[in-house]
């Protein structure tokens, strides 16, 4: 099968899924319905599994088809972006960068780098999936994104991890809290106060609990939340104190909150770039990654 046929087959599949109809998809692609059906059948034969479930009134993706959708979307975006770049070769290079990023890094750090990058490459677009650590790794492994900004987790033979920084866990308190008067703290200093933590399903919580267990320490929490941003809201309201990564805290002077380092032991998470071992980056993603590494390491 030629590469042109593959692209057309992918477009046919995506059109049927989005329009939920072979008839409407055939009209949108300017194909006959038999020709459209042959393209879908050819793609299903290549994949080795049914991709669509057909009824008299409705067409929907199978489980395999649903997994294929985000990958097909990204492939077509990159293909179309590449064609546009070739057509516009005399002008500024265009493209699409797709990344999965920890929400904390996406909120506090990533916008600064993207702003710097867009000043140099104004025609390059971004698709950012701000995902928890586990979901971000899956997005990279499935090819839904070109690379991820994530914490180092369990070893995966199909992924590579390049360290960027160490992000220490710190205490977030109100400026009028008794612990705010201390320059640095030990874990025992947290005991008298209501503690706010993220749920144990969080990668940050898993990392923190495991590191504390090595020193025979355990966090006794009073409030448990799903998102780090929620814990900061509870701290700001004066309901307690929270232990969270430094990147998850406001990076500039905050009217109510302050952070303090926690020692004995000092615990941090390693943040880096996650890529598929067998994957290749688009030129746009390669340029952005180089700027990202240079900015963060600098």
Protein backbone atom coordinates (compact mmCIF):
# COMPACT_ATOMS: atom_id res chain seq x y z
CA UNK A 1 0.00 0.00 0.00
CA UNK A 2 1.42 3.37 -0.95
CA UNK A 3 1.74 6.13 1.61
CA UNK A 4 -0.92 8.19 -0.19
CA UNK A 5 -3.41 5.34 0.14
CA UNK A 6 -2.60 5.03 3.83
CA UNK A 7 -3.32 8.69 4.42
CA UNK A 8 -6.60 8.48 2.50
CA UNK A 9 -7.61 5.38 4.44
CA UNK A 10 -6.91 7.19 7.71
CA UNK A 11 -8.94 10.20 6.57
CA UNK A 12 -11.81 7.88 5.65
CA UNK A 13 -11.75 6.21 9.08
CA UNK A 14 -11.64 9.52 10.96
CA UNK A 15 -14.43 11.03 8.87
CA UNK A 16 -16.76 8.10 9.56
CA UNK A 17 -16.02 8.34 13.30
CA UNK A 18 -16.52 12.10 13.46
CA UNK A 19 -19.67 12.16 11.30
CA UNK A 20 -21.03 8.84 12.67
CA UNK A 21 -22.23 7.94 9.19
CA UNK A 22 -20.80 6.29 6.07
CA UNK A 23 -23.16 8.35 3.92
CA UNK A 24 -22.14 11.72 5.38
CA UNK A 25 -18.46 10.76 5.38
CA UNK A 26 -18.61 9.70 1.74
CA UNK A 27 -20.14 13.06 0.81
CA UNK A 28 -17.54 14.98 2.82
CA UNK A 29 -14.69 13.09 1.14
CA UNK A 30 -16.32 13.19 -2.31
CA UNK A 31 -16.28 9.38 -2.50
CA UNK A 32 -18.92 6.80 -3.30
CA UNK A 33 -20.05 4.72 -0.34
CA UNK A 34 -18.61 1.49 -1.81
CA UNK A 35 -15.23 3.22 -2.27
CA UNK A 36 -15.34 4.49 1.30
CA UNK A 37 -16.24 1.01 2.60
CA UNK A 38 -13.30 -0.52 0.69
CA UNK A 39 -10.91 1.96 2.32
CA UNK A 40 -12.22 1.11 5.79
CA UNK A 41 -12.00 -2.63 5.05
CA UNK A 42 -8.43 -2.22 3.81
CA UNK A 43 -7.46 -0.33 6.97
CA UNK A 44 -9.14 -2.97 9.17
CA UNK A 45 -7.25 -5.68 7.30
CA UNK A 46 -3.98 -3.82 7.90
CA UNK A 47 -4.74 -3.38 11.61
CA UNK A 48 -6.06 -6.92 11.94
CA UNK A 49 -9.22 -5.99 13.85
CA UNK A 50 -12.61 -4.32 13.27
CA UNK A 51 -12.45 -0.55 13.81
CA UNK A 52 -16.13 0.37 13.42
CA UNK A 53 -19.41 -1.00 14.73
CA UNK A 54 -22.24 -0.53 12.25
CA UNK A 55 -25.99 -0.45 12.94
CA UNK A 56 -28.83 0.71 10.74
CA UNK A 57 -28.78 4.20 12.26
CA UNK A 58 -25.41 4.67 13.85
CA UNK A 59 -21.70 4.04 13.36
CA UNK A 60 -19.25 4.10 16.28
CA UNK A 61 -15.65 3.08 16.93
CA UNK A 62 -14.83 -0.30 18.46
CA UNK A 63 -12.45 -0.52 21.41
CA UNK A 64 -9.53 -0.92 19.00
CA UNK A 65 -10.85 1.93 16.86
CA UNK A 66 -11.15 4.21 19.90
CA UNK A 67 -7.50 3.60 20.78
CA UNK A 68 -6.51 4.40 17.20
CA UNK A 69 -8.39 7.73 16.99
CA UNK A 70 -5.89 10.02 18.83
CA UNK A 71 -2.95 8.51 16.95
CA UNK A 72 -4.69 9.02 13.59
CA UNK A 73 -5.58 12.60 14.52
CA UNK A 74 -1.96 13.40 15.34
CA UNK A 75 -0.63 11.70 12.19
CA UNK A 76 -3.00 13.67 9.97
CA UNK A 77 -2.23 16.93 11.79
CA UNK A 78 1.49 16.37 11.24
CA UNK A 79 0.99 15.33 7.63
CA UNK A 80 -1.13 18.38 6.86
CA UNK A 81 1.31 20.61 8.73
CA UNK A 82 4.20 19.20 6.70
CA UNK A 83 2.37 19.83 3.42
CA UNK A 84 1.64 23.39 4.49
CA UNK A 85 5.29 23.92 5.41
CA UNK A 86 6.46 22.68 1.99
CA UNK A 87 3.88 24.83 0.22
CA UNK A 88 4.99 27.81 2.29
CA UNK A 89 8.69 27.02 2.03
CA UNK A 90 9.68 30.61 1.33
CA UNK A 91 8.06 31.83 4.56
CA UNK A 92 8.49 31.01 8.21
CA UNK A 93 8.40 27.27 8.92
CA UNK A 94 5.05 25.97 10.21
CA UNK A 95 4.14 22.86 12.14
CA UNK A 96 2.45 21.33 15.15
CA UNK A 97 4.01 20.32 18.47
CA UNK A 98 2.06 17.82 20.57
CA UNK A 99 3.22 17.18 24.14
CA UNK A 100 1.96 15.67 27.39
CA UNK A 101 2.91 17.74 30.40
CA UNK A 102 2.46 17.53 34.15
CA UNK A 103 -0.23 20.07 35.10
CA UNK A 104 2.15 21.82 37.51
CA UNK A 105 4.78 22.34 34.81
CA UNK A 106 2.12 23.23 32.24
CA UNK A 107 0.75 25.99 34.46
CA UNK A 108 3.84 27.58 35.99
CA UNK A 109 6.73 26.90 33.61
CA UNK A 110 5.61 25.94 30.11
CA UNK A 111 3.91 29.23 29.09
CA UNK A 112 7.18 31.15 29.54
CA UNK A 113 9.04 28.81 27.19
CA UNK A 114 6.23 28.74 24.62
CA UNK A 115 6.09 32.54 24.58
CA UNK A 116 9.83 32.66 23.89
CA UNK A 117 9.50 29.98 21.20
CA UNK A 118 6.53 31.66 19.47
CA UNK A 119 8.49 34.90 19.20
CA UNK A 120 10.95 33.02 16.97
CA UNK A 121 8.50 30.58 15.31
CA UNK A 122 5.09 32.32 15.24
CA UNK A 123 3.49 29.81 12.85
CA UNK A 124 4.08 26.70 14.96
CA UNK A 125 0.98 25.56 16.83
CA UNK A 126 0.80 23.57 20.08
CA UNK A 127 -1.43 20.82 21.39
CA UNK A 128 -0.77 20.39 25.13
CA UNK A 129 -2.26 17.51 27.11
CA UNK A 130 -1.91 18.51 30.77
CA UNK A 131 -2.10 15.06 32.33
CA UNK A 132 -1.17 13.35 35.59
CA UNK A 133 2.11 11.41 35.52
CA UNK A 134 0.66 7.97 34.71
CA UNK A 135 -1.65 9.25 31.97
CA UNK A 136 1.16 11.35 30.50
CA UNK A 137 3.43 8.32 30.19
CA UNK A 138 0.65 6.37 28.48
CA UNK A 139 0.09 9.21 26.00
CA UNK A 140 3.78 9.07 25.04
CA UNK A 141 3.84 5.27 24.83
CA UNK A 142 0.72 5.20 22.61
CA UNK A 143 2.12 7.82 20.24
CA UNK A 144 -0.63 10.34 21.05
CA UNK A 145 2.08 12.97 21.65
CA UNK A 146 5.65 13.41 20.45
CA UNK A 147 7.16 13.69 23.92
CA UNK A 148 6.22 14.30 27.52
CA UNK A 149 7.38 16.36 30.49
CA UNK A 150 7.00 13.97 33.38
CA UNK A 151 8.41 12.58 36.61
CA UNK A 152 10.63 9.54 36.39
CA UNK A 153 8.47 6.50 37.12
CA UNK A 154 8.85 2.78 36.65
CA UNK A 155 11.28 1.73 33.93
CA UNK A 156 9.66 1.13 30.54
CA UNK A 157 11.82 -0.50 27.85
CA UNK A 158 9.96 1.39 25.13
CA UNK A 159 10.56 4.85 26.63
CA UNK A 160 13.61 7.01 27.29
CA UNK A 161 13.87 9.55 30.09
CA UNK A 162 16.29 12.49 30.06
CA UNK A 163 16.59 14.31 33.38
CA UNK A 164 15.95 18.06 33.46
CA UNK A 165 15.69 19.13 37.11
CA UNK A 166 15.06 18.03 40.67
CA UNK A 167 11.80 19.46 42.01
CA UNK A 168 11.85 19.39 45.85
CA UNK A 169 8.77 18.83 47.99
CA UNK A 170 8.11 21.89 50.16
CA UNK A 171 5.61 23.01 52.75
CA UNK A 172 2.96 25.52 51.67
CA UNK A 173 1.46 27.61 54.50
CA UNK A 174 -0.26 30.92 54.99
CA UNK A 175 2.09 33.78 55.84
CA UNK A 176 0.34 34.18 59.20
CA UNK A 177 0.80 30.49 60.14
CA UNK A 178 3.23 29.65 63.00
CA UNK A 179 5.40 27.48 60.69
CA UNK A 180 5.93 30.44 58.34
CA UNK A 181 8.29 31.97 60.92
CA UNK A 182 10.74 29.08 60.49
CA UNK A 183 13.42 29.19 57.78
CA UNK A 184 13.35 25.42 57.29
CA UNK A 185 11.45 22.54 58.85
CA UNK A 186 11.67 18.88 59.75
CA UNK A 187 8.85 16.45 59.03
CA UNK A 188 8.06 16.24 62.76
CA UNK A 189 7.20 19.96 62.73
CA UNK A 190 4.13 19.20 60.59
CA UNK A 191 2.51 16.81 63.10
CA UNK A 192 0.46 19.32 65.20
CA UNK A 193 -1.34 20.85 62.19
CA UNK A 194 -4.10 19.60 59.82
CA UNK A 195 -2.29 18.29 56.75
CA UNK A 196 -3.68 18.44 53.20
CA UNK A 197 -2.43 15.80 50.74
CA UNK A 198 -3.29 14.57 47.27
CA UNK A 199 -4.93 11.17 46.84
CA UNK A 200 -2.72 8.08 47.04
CA UNK A 201 -3.43 7.37 43.34
CA UNK A 202 -1.30 10.43 42.50
CA UNK A 203 2.24 9.83 41.31
CA UNK A 204 3.44 12.59 43.65
CA UNK A 205 1.82 10.94 46.66
CA UNK A 206 3.25 7.53 45.76
CA UNK A 207 6.74 8.99 45.42
CA UNK A 208 6.46 10.94 48.68
CA UNK A 209 5.07 8.03 50.72
CA UNK A 210 7.79 5.67 49.46
CA UNK A 211 10.59 8.13 50.26
CA UNK A 212 9.25 8.81 53.77
CA UNK A 213 8.82 5.09 54.46
CA UNK A 214 12.59 4.62 54.04
CA UNK A 215 13.02 6.92 57.06
CA UNK A 216 10.15 5.27 58.98
CA UNK A 217 8.00 8.37 58.53
CA UNK A 218 4.37 8.61 57.47
CA UNK A 219 2.16 11.57 56.68
CA UNK A 220 -0.94 11.80 58.87
CA UNK A 221 -3.38 13.66 56.65
CA UNK A 222 -6.60 15.44 57.58
CA UNK A 223 -7.76 16.48 54.11
CA UNK A 224 -7.19 14.44 50.95
CA UNK A 225 -7.80 15.97 47.51
CA UNK A 226 -7.36 14.98 43.86
CA UNK A 227 -5.54 18.05 42.52
CA UNK A 228 -2.61 19.99 43.90
CA UNK A 229 -4.35 23.25 43.03
CA UNK A 230 -7.19 22.27 45.37
CA UNK A 231 -4.77 21.75 48.24
CA UNK A 232 -3.41 25.27 47.72
CA UNK A 233 -6.95 26.63 47.84
CA UNK A 234 -7.55 24.93 51.20
CA UNK A 235 -4.23 26.27 52.53
CA UNK A 236 -5.13 29.78 51.41
CA UNK A 237 -8.46 29.44 53.24
CA UNK A 238 -6.56 28.66 56.45
CA UNK A 239 -7.78 25.06 56.72
CA UNK A 240 -4.35 23.49 57.04
CA UNK A 241 -0.87 23.07 55.59
CA UNK A 242 0.21 21.13 52.50
CA UNK A 243 3.29 19.29 51.24
CA UNK A 244 3.68 19.54 47.48
CA UNK A 245 6.33 19.94 44.77
CA UNK A 246 7.97 23.35 44.50
CA UNK A 247 6.80 23.68 40.87
CA UNK A 248 3.20 23.32 42.06
CA UNK A 249 3.47 26.47 44.19
CA UNK A 250 3.22 30.10 43.03
CA UNK A 251 6.63 31.09 41.66
CA UNK A 252 6.26 34.80 42.45
CA UNK A 253 5.40 36.57 45.68
CA UNK A 254 1.90 35.54 46.77
CA UNK A 255 -0.28 37.77 48.96
CA UNK A 256 -1.20 34.95 51.36
CA UNK A 257 1.00 31.89 50.80
CA UNK A 258 4.66 31.09 51.44
CA UNK A 259 6.76 27.93 51.05
CA UNK A 260 9.39 26.46 53.34
CA UNK A 261 11.94 23.68 52.67
CA UNK A 262 11.56 20.43 54.62
CA UNK A 263 14.73 18.56 55.65
CA UNK A 264 15.71 15.23 57.22
CA UNK A 265 15.08 13.82 54.73
CA UNK A 266 14.87 16.25 51.81
CA UNK A 267 12.65 14.65 49.16
CA UNK A 268 12.37 15.66 45.53
CA UNK A 269 10.94 14.35 42.28
CA UNK A 270 13.04 14.09 39.12
CA UNK A 271 11.41 15.80 36.14
CA UNK A 272 12.55 15.15 32.61
CA UNK A 273 11.70 14.54 28.97
CA UNK A 274 10.00 11.25 28.10
CA UNK A 275 10.15 9.95 24.53
CA UNK A 276 9.42 6.75 22.66
CA UNK A 277 12.67 4.88 22.12
CA UNK A 278 11.76 4.07 18.51
CA UNK A 279 10.07 7.38 17.76
CA UNK A 280 11.27 10.42 15.86
CA UNK A 281 10.33 14.05 16.45
CA UNK A 282 8.97 16.44 13.88
CA UNK A 283 11.28 19.38 13.05
CA UNK A 284 8.99 21.72 15.01
CA UNK A 285 9.05 19.48 18.09
CA UNK A 286 12.83 19.08 17.83
CA UNK A 287 13.33 22.85 17.82
CA UNK A 288 10.98 23.36 20.75
CA UNK A 289 12.58 20.55 22.75
CA UNK A 290 16.03 22.08 22.29
CA UNK A 291 14.75 25.46 23.53
CA UNK A 292 12.94 23.79 26.44
CA UNK A 293 16.07 21.96 27.59
CA UNK A 294 18.20 25.08 27.22
CA UNK A 295 15.75 27.25 29.16
CA UNK A 296 15.09 24.78 31.97
CA UNK A 297 18.70 23.68 32.46
CA UNK A 298 19.77 27.32 32.33
